[in-house]
């Protein structure tokens, strides 16, 4: 029983440490200004043409 709680507490501690590191890394990235504009790089959206698609019959 003691082994189980030891492993559990180690895993919870590791999880908390990784969470704190991730939050600190995310706050550093959010402070940097982003210069990418949506007008500079427009995405092309192609329509799906479902009416003209032909399906083969499954054997």
PDB file of N, CA and C in Angstrom:
ATOM      1  N   UNK A   1       0.830  -1.190   0.000  1.00  0.00           N
ATOM      2  CA  UNK A   1       0.000   0.000   0.000  1.00  0.00           C
ATOM      3  C   UNK A   1       0.872   1.250   0.000  1.00  0.00           C
ATOM      4  N   UNK A   2       1.948   1.204   0.757  1.00  0.00           N
ATOM      5  CA  UNK A   2       2.851   2.347   0.834  1.00  0.00           C
ATOM      6  C   UNK A   2       3.536   2.586  -0.508  1.00  0.00           C
ATOM      7  N   UNK A   3       3.848   1.518  -1.221  1.00  0.00           N
ATOM      8  CA  UNK A   3       4.474   1.644  -2.539  1.00  0.00           C
ATOM      9  C   UNK A   3       3.528   2.330  -3.519  1.00  0.00           C
ATOM     10  N   UNK A   4       2.263   1.957  -3.458  1.00  0.00           N
ATOM     11  CA  UNK A   4       1.270   2.570  -4.332  1.00  0.00           C
ATOM     12  C   UNK A   4       1.187   4.066  -4.094  1.00  0.00           C
ATOM     13  N   UNK A   5       1.094   4.497  -2.837  1.00  0.00           N
ATOM     14  CA  UNK A   5       0.990   5.911  -2.537  1.00  0.00           C
ATOM     15  C   UNK A   5       2.266   6.666  -2.904  1.00  0.00           C
ATOM     16  N   UNK A   6       3.409   6.021  -2.772  1.00  0.00           N
ATOM     17  CA  UNK A   6       4.663   6.652  -3.153  1.00  0.00           C
ATOM     18  C   UNK A   6       4.705   6.908  -4.654  1.00  0.00           C
ATOM     19  N   UNK A   7       4.348   5.898  -5.428  1.00  0.00           N
ATOM     20  CA  UNK A   7       4.323   6.059  -6.885  1.00  0.00           C
ATOM     21  C   UNK A   7       3.280   7.086  -7.285  1.00  0.00           C
ATOM     22  N   UNK A   8       2.121   7.060  -6.640  1.00  0.00           N
ATOM     23  CA  UNK A   8       1.064   8.015  -6.946  1.00  0.00           C
ATOM     24  C   UNK A   8       1.514   9.444  -6.670  1.00  0.00           C
ATOM     25  N   UNK A   9       2.143   9.685  -5.524  1.00  0.00           N
ATOM     26  CA  UNK A   9       2.593  11.029  -5.196  1.00  0.00           C
ATOM     27  C   UNK A   9       3.712  11.496  -6.121  1.00  0.00           C
ATOM     28  N   UNK A  10       4.579  10.601  -6.534  1.00  0.00           N
ATOM     29  CA  UNK A  10       5.634  10.970  -7.486  1.00  0.00           C
ATOM     30  C   UNK A  10       5.021  11.366  -8.821  1.00  0.00           C
ATOM     31  N   UNK A  11       4.043  10.609  -9.285  1.00  0.00           N
ATOM     32  CA  UNK A  11       3.389  10.933 -10.553  1.00  0.00           C
ATOM     33  C   UNK A  11       2.604  12.245 -10.470  1.00  0.00           C
ATOM     34  N   UNK A  12       1.936  12.485  -9.352  1.00  0.00           N
ATOM     35  CA  UNK A  12       1.206  13.739  -9.185  1.00  0.00           C
ATOM     36  C   UNK A  12       2.188  14.913  -9.142  1.00  0.00           C
ATOM     37  N   UNK A  13       3.314  14.743  -8.446  1.00  0.00           N
ATOM     38  CA  UNK A  13       4.328  15.795  -8.402  1.00  0.00           C
ATOM     39  C   UNK A  13       4.914  16.081  -9.775  1.00  0.00           C
ATOM     40  N   UNK A  14       5.171  15.037 -10.542  1.00  0.00           N
ATOM     41  CA  UNK A  14       5.679  15.210 -11.899  1.00  0.00           C
ATOM     42  C   UNK A  14       4.659  15.928 -12.777  1.00  0.00           C
ATOM     43  N   UNK A  15       3.407  15.583 -12.607  1.00  0.00           N
ATOM     44  CA  UNK A  15       2.336  16.220 -13.366  1.00  0.00           C
ATOM     45  C   UNK A  15       2.250  17.706 -13.028  1.00  0.00           C
ATOM     46  N   UNK A  16       2.349  18.056 -11.765  1.00  0.00           N
ATOM     47  CA  UNK A  16       2.287  19.455 -11.351  1.00  0.00           C
ATOM     48  C   UNK A  16       3.490  20.223 -11.895  1.00  0.00           C
ATOM     49  N   UNK A  17       4.678  19.610 -11.864  1.00  0.00           N
ATOM     50  CA  UNK A  17       5.878  20.269 -12.381  1.00  0.00           C
ATOM     51  C   UNK A  17       5.757  20.529 -13.880  1.00  0.00           C
ATOM     52  N   UNK A  18       5.229  19.551 -14.611  1.00  0.00           N
ATOM     53  CA  UNK A  18       5.058  19.741 -16.053  1.00  0.00           C
ATOM     54  C   UNK A  18       4.000  20.790 -16.351  1.00  0.00           C
ATOM     55  N   UNK A  19       2.958  20.858 -15.549  1.00  0.00           N
ATOM     56  CA  UNK A  19       1.909  21.865 -15.724  1.00  0.00           C
ATOM     57  C   UNK A  19       2.464  23.264 -15.508  1.00  0.00           C
ATOM     58  N   UNK A  20       3.256  23.439 -14.466  1.00  0.00           N
ATOM     59  CA  UNK A  20       3.846  24.748 -14.182  1.00  0.00           C
ATOM     60  C   UNK A  20       4.798  25.155 -15.301  1.00  0.00           C
ATOM     61  N   UNK A  21       5.628  24.228 -15.775  1.00  0.00           N
ATOM     62  CA  UNK A  21       6.552  24.532 -16.870  1.00  0.00           C
ATOM     63  C   UNK A  21       5.798  24.902 -18.139  1.00  0.00           C
ATOM     64  N   UNK A  22       4.710  24.222 -18.409  1.00  0.00           N
ATOM     65  CA  UNK A  22       3.921  24.507 -19.599  1.00  0.00           C
ATOM     66  C   UNK A  22       3.260  25.877 -19.502  1.00  0.00           C
ATOM     67  N   UNK A  23       2.734  26.206 -18.342  1.00  0.00           N
ATOM     68  CA  UNK A  23       2.096  27.512 -18.173  1.00  0.00           C
ATOM     69  C   UNK A  23       3.103  28.649 -18.279  1.00  0.00           C
ATOM     70  N   UNK A  24       4.295  28.459 -17.764  1.00  0.00           N
ATOM     71  CA  UNK A  24       5.319  29.489 -17.874  1.00  0.00           C
ATOM     72  C   UNK A  24       5.754  29.660 -19.323  1.00  0.00           C
ATOM     73  N   UNK A  25       5.866  28.573 -20.052  1.00  0.00           N
ATOM     74  CA  UNK A  25       6.250  28.638 -21.455  1.00  0.00           C
ATOM     75  C   UNK A  25       5.154  29.316 -22.278  1.00  0.00           C
ATOM     76  N   UNK A  26       3.901  29.053 -21.969  1.00  0.00           N
ATOM     77  CA  UNK A  26       2.785  29.652 -22.697  1.00  0.00           C
ATOM     78  C   UNK A  26       2.710  31.148 -22.425  1.00  0.00           C
ATOM     79  N   UNK A  27       3.010  31.573 -21.202  1.00  0.00           N
ATOM     80  CA  UNK A  27       2.949  33.003 -20.904  1.00  0.00           C
ATOM     81  C   UNK A  27       4.084  33.746 -21.595  1.00  0.00           C
ATOM     82  N   UNK A  28       5.235  33.098 -21.791  1.00  0.00           N
ATOM     83  CA  UNK A  28       6.338  33.729 -22.512  1.00  0.00           C
ATOM     84  C   UNK A  28       5.992  33.900 -23.987  1.00  0.00           C
ATOM     85  N   UNK A  29       5.330  32.912 -24.565  1.00  0.00           N
ATOM     86  CA  UNK A  29       4.970  32.980 -25.976  1.00  0.00           C
ATOM     87  C   UNK A  29       3.879  34.009 -26.222  1.00  0.00           C
ATOM     88  N   UNK A  30       2.974  34.203 -25.276  1.00  0.00           N
ATOM     89  CA  UNK A  30       1.871  35.143 -25.481  1.00  0.00           C
ATOM     90  C   UNK A  30       2.334  36.589 -25.408  1.00  0.00           C
ATOM     91  N   UNK A  31       3.481  36.858 -24.800  1.00  0.00           N
ATOM     92  CA  UNK A  31       3.990  38.223 -24.710  1.00  0.00           C
ATOM     93  C   UNK A  31       4.637  38.686 -26.003  1.00  0.00           C
ATOM     94  N   UNK A  32       5.057  37.751 -26.866  1.00  0.00           N
ATOM     95  CA  UNK A  32       5.697  38.118 -28.121  1.00  0.00           C
ATOM     96  C   UNK A  32       4.644  38.632 -29.099  1.00  0.00           C
ATOM     97  N   UNK A  33       4.925  39.748 -29.784  1.00  0.00           N
ATOM     98  CA  UNK A  33       3.947  40.252 -30.764  1.00  0.00           C
ATOM     99  C   UNK A  33       3.942  39.380 -32.010  1.00  0.00           C
ATOM    100  N   UNK A  34       2.772  39.181 -32.549  1.00  0.00           N
ATOM    101  CA  UNK A  34       2.648  38.391 -33.761  1.00  0.00           C
ATOM    102  C   UNK A  34       2.495  39.343 -34.935  1.00  0.00           C
ATOM    103  N   UNK A  35       3.323  39.158 -35.941  1.00  0.00           N
ATOM    104  CA  UNK A  35       3.283  40.035 -37.101  1.00  0.00           C
ATOM    105  C   UNK A  35       2.593  39.387 -38.285  1.00  0.00           C
ATOM    106  N   UNK A  36       2.085  38.184 -38.119  1.00  0.00           N
ATOM    107  CA  UNK A  36       1.420  37.483 -39.209  1.00  0.00           C
ATOM    108  C   UNK A  36      -0.014  38.015 -39.328  1.00  0.00           C
ATOM    109  N   UNK A  37      -0.337  38.495 -40.486  1.00  0.00           N
ATOM    110  CA  UNK A  37      -1.674  39.031 -40.725  1.00  0.00           C
ATOM    111  C   UNK A  37      -2.439  38.078 -41.626  1.00  0.00           C
ATOM    112  N   UNK A  38      -3.731  38.013 -41.460  1.00  0.00           N
ATOM    113  CA  UNK A  38      -4.536  37.117 -42.275  1.00  0.00           C
ATOM    114  C   UNK A  38      -4.674  37.649 -43.700  1.00  0.00           C
ATOM    115  N   UNK A  39      -4.476  38.952 -43.898  1.00  0.00           N
ATOM    116  CA  UNK A  39      -4.578  39.524 -45.233  1.00  0.00           C
ATOM    117  C   UNK A  39      -3.345  39.205 -46.075  1.00  0.00           C
ATOM    118  N   UNK A  40      -2.198  38.995 -45.445  1.00  0.00           N
ATOM    119  CA  UNK A  40      -0.972  38.709 -46.172  1.00  0.00           C
ATOM    120  C   UNK A  40      -0.973  37.303 -46.766  1.00  0.00           C
ATOM    121  N   UNK A  41      -1.594  36.374 -46.090  1.00  0.00           N
ATOM    122  CA  UNK A  41      -1.539  34.979 -46.486  1.00  0.00           C
ATOM    123  C   UNK A  41      -2.953  34.398 -46.524  1.00  0.00           C
ATOM    124  N   UNK A  42      -3.752  34.749 -47.524  1.00  0.00           N
ATOM    125  CA  UNK A  42      -5.133  34.248 -47.520  1.00  0.00           C
ATOM    126  C   UNK A  42      -5.179  32.755 -47.834  1.00  0.00           C
ATOM    127  N   UNK A  43      -6.054  32.065 -47.166  1.00  0.00           N
ATOM    128  CA  UNK A  43      -6.234  30.636 -47.395  1.00  0.00           C
ATOM    129  C   UNK A  43      -7.286  30.429 -48.463  1.00  0.00           C
ATOM    130  N   UNK A  44      -7.035  29.475 -49.324  1.00  0.00           N
ATOM    131  CA  UNK A  44      -7.985  29.146 -50.371  1.00  0.00           C
ATOM    132  C   UNK A  44      -8.832  27.988 -49.887  1.00  0.00           C
ATOM    133  N   UNK A  45     -10.143  28.147 -49.937  1.00  0.00           N
ATOM    134  CA  UNK A  45     -11.063  27.097 -49.506  1.00  0.00           C
ATOM    135  C   UNK A  45     -11.738  26.536 -50.758  1.00  0.00           C
ATOM    136  N   UNK A  46     -11.535  25.259 -50.986  1.00  0.00           N
ATOM    137  CA  UNK A  46     -12.127  24.607 -52.141  1.00  0.00           C
ATOM    138  C   UNK A  46     -13.434  23.938 -51.739  1.00  0.00           C
ATOM    139  N   UNK A  47     -14.503  24.144 -52.504  1.00  0.00           N
ATOM    140  CA  UNK A  47     -15.790  23.521 -52.153  1.00  0.00           C
ATOM    141  C   UNK A  47     -15.769  22.021 -52.428  1.00  0.00           C
ATOM    142  N   UNK A  48     -16.530  21.298 -51.653  1.00  0.00           N
ATOM    143  CA  UNK A  48     -16.662  19.854 -51.848  1.00  0.00           C
ATOM    144  C   UNK A  48     -17.849  19.617 -52.775  1.00  0.00           C
ATOM    145  N   UNK A  49     -17.576  18.950 -53.859  1.00  0.00           N
ATOM    146  CA  UNK A  49     -18.622  18.687 -54.841  1.00  0.00           C
ATOM    147  C   UNK A  49     -19.106  17.250 -54.648  1.00  0.00           C
ATOM    148  N   UNK A  50     -20.109  17.064 -53.810  1.00  0.00           N
ATOM    149  CA  UNK A  50     -20.588  15.728 -53.491  1.00  0.00           C
ATOM    150  C   UNK A  50     -21.560  15.183 -54.533  1.00  0.00           C
ATOM    151  N   UNK A  51     -22.166  16.049 -55.310  1.00  0.00           N
ATOM    152  CA  UNK A  51     -23.187  15.601 -56.259  1.00  0.00           C
ATOM    153  C   UNK A  51     -22.555  14.814 -57.405  1.00  0.00           C
ATOM    154  N   UNK A  52     -21.378  15.246 -57.881  1.00  0.00           N
ATOM    155  CA  UNK A  52     -20.777  14.597 -59.045  1.00  0.00           C
ATOM    156  C   UNK A  52     -19.879  13.424 -58.674  1.00  0.00           C
ATOM    157  N   UNK A  53     -19.727  13.113 -57.403  1.00  0.00           N
ATOM    158  CA  UNK A  53     -18.845  12.002 -57.047  1.00  0.00           C
ATOM    159  C   UNK A  53     -19.525  10.672 -57.329  1.00  0.00           C
ATOM    160  N   UNK A  54     -18.729   9.766 -57.850  1.00  0.00           N
ATOM    161  CA  UNK A  54     -19.228   8.430 -58.177  1.00  0.00           C
ATOM    162  C   UNK A  54     -18.678   7.441 -57.167  1.00  0.00           C
ATOM    163  N   UNK A  55     -19.527   6.569 -56.674  1.00  0.00           N
ATOM    164  CA  UNK A  55     -19.120   5.575 -55.693  1.00  0.00           C
ATOM    165  C   UNK A  55     -19.214   4.195 -56.329  1.00  0.00           C
ATOM    166  N   UNK A  56     -18.196   3.378 -56.062  1.00  0.00           N
ATOM    167  CA  UNK A  56     -18.228   2.009 -56.544  1.00  0.00           C
ATOM    168  C   UNK A  56     -18.969   1.145 -55.535  1.00  0.00           C
ATOM    169  N   UNK A  57     -19.680   0.156 -56.035  1.00  0.00           N
ATOM    170  CA  UNK A  57     -20.434  -0.728 -55.170  1.00  0.00           C
ATOM    171  C   UNK A  57     -19.475  -1.686 -54.464  1.00  0.00           C
ATOM    172  N   UNK A  58     -19.643  -1.817 -53.157  1.00  0.00           N
ATOM    173  CA  UNK A  58     -18.798  -2.721 -52.385  1.00  0.00           C
ATOM    174  C   UNK A  58     -19.162  -4.163 -52.698  1.00  0.00           C
ATOM    175  N   UNK A  59     -18.164  -4.984 -52.803  1.00  0.00           N
ATOM    176  CA  UNK A  59     -18.391  -6.400 -53.122  1.00  0.00           C
ATOM    177  C   UNK A  59     -18.657  -7.165 -51.851  1.00  0.00           C
TER     178      UNK A  59
END
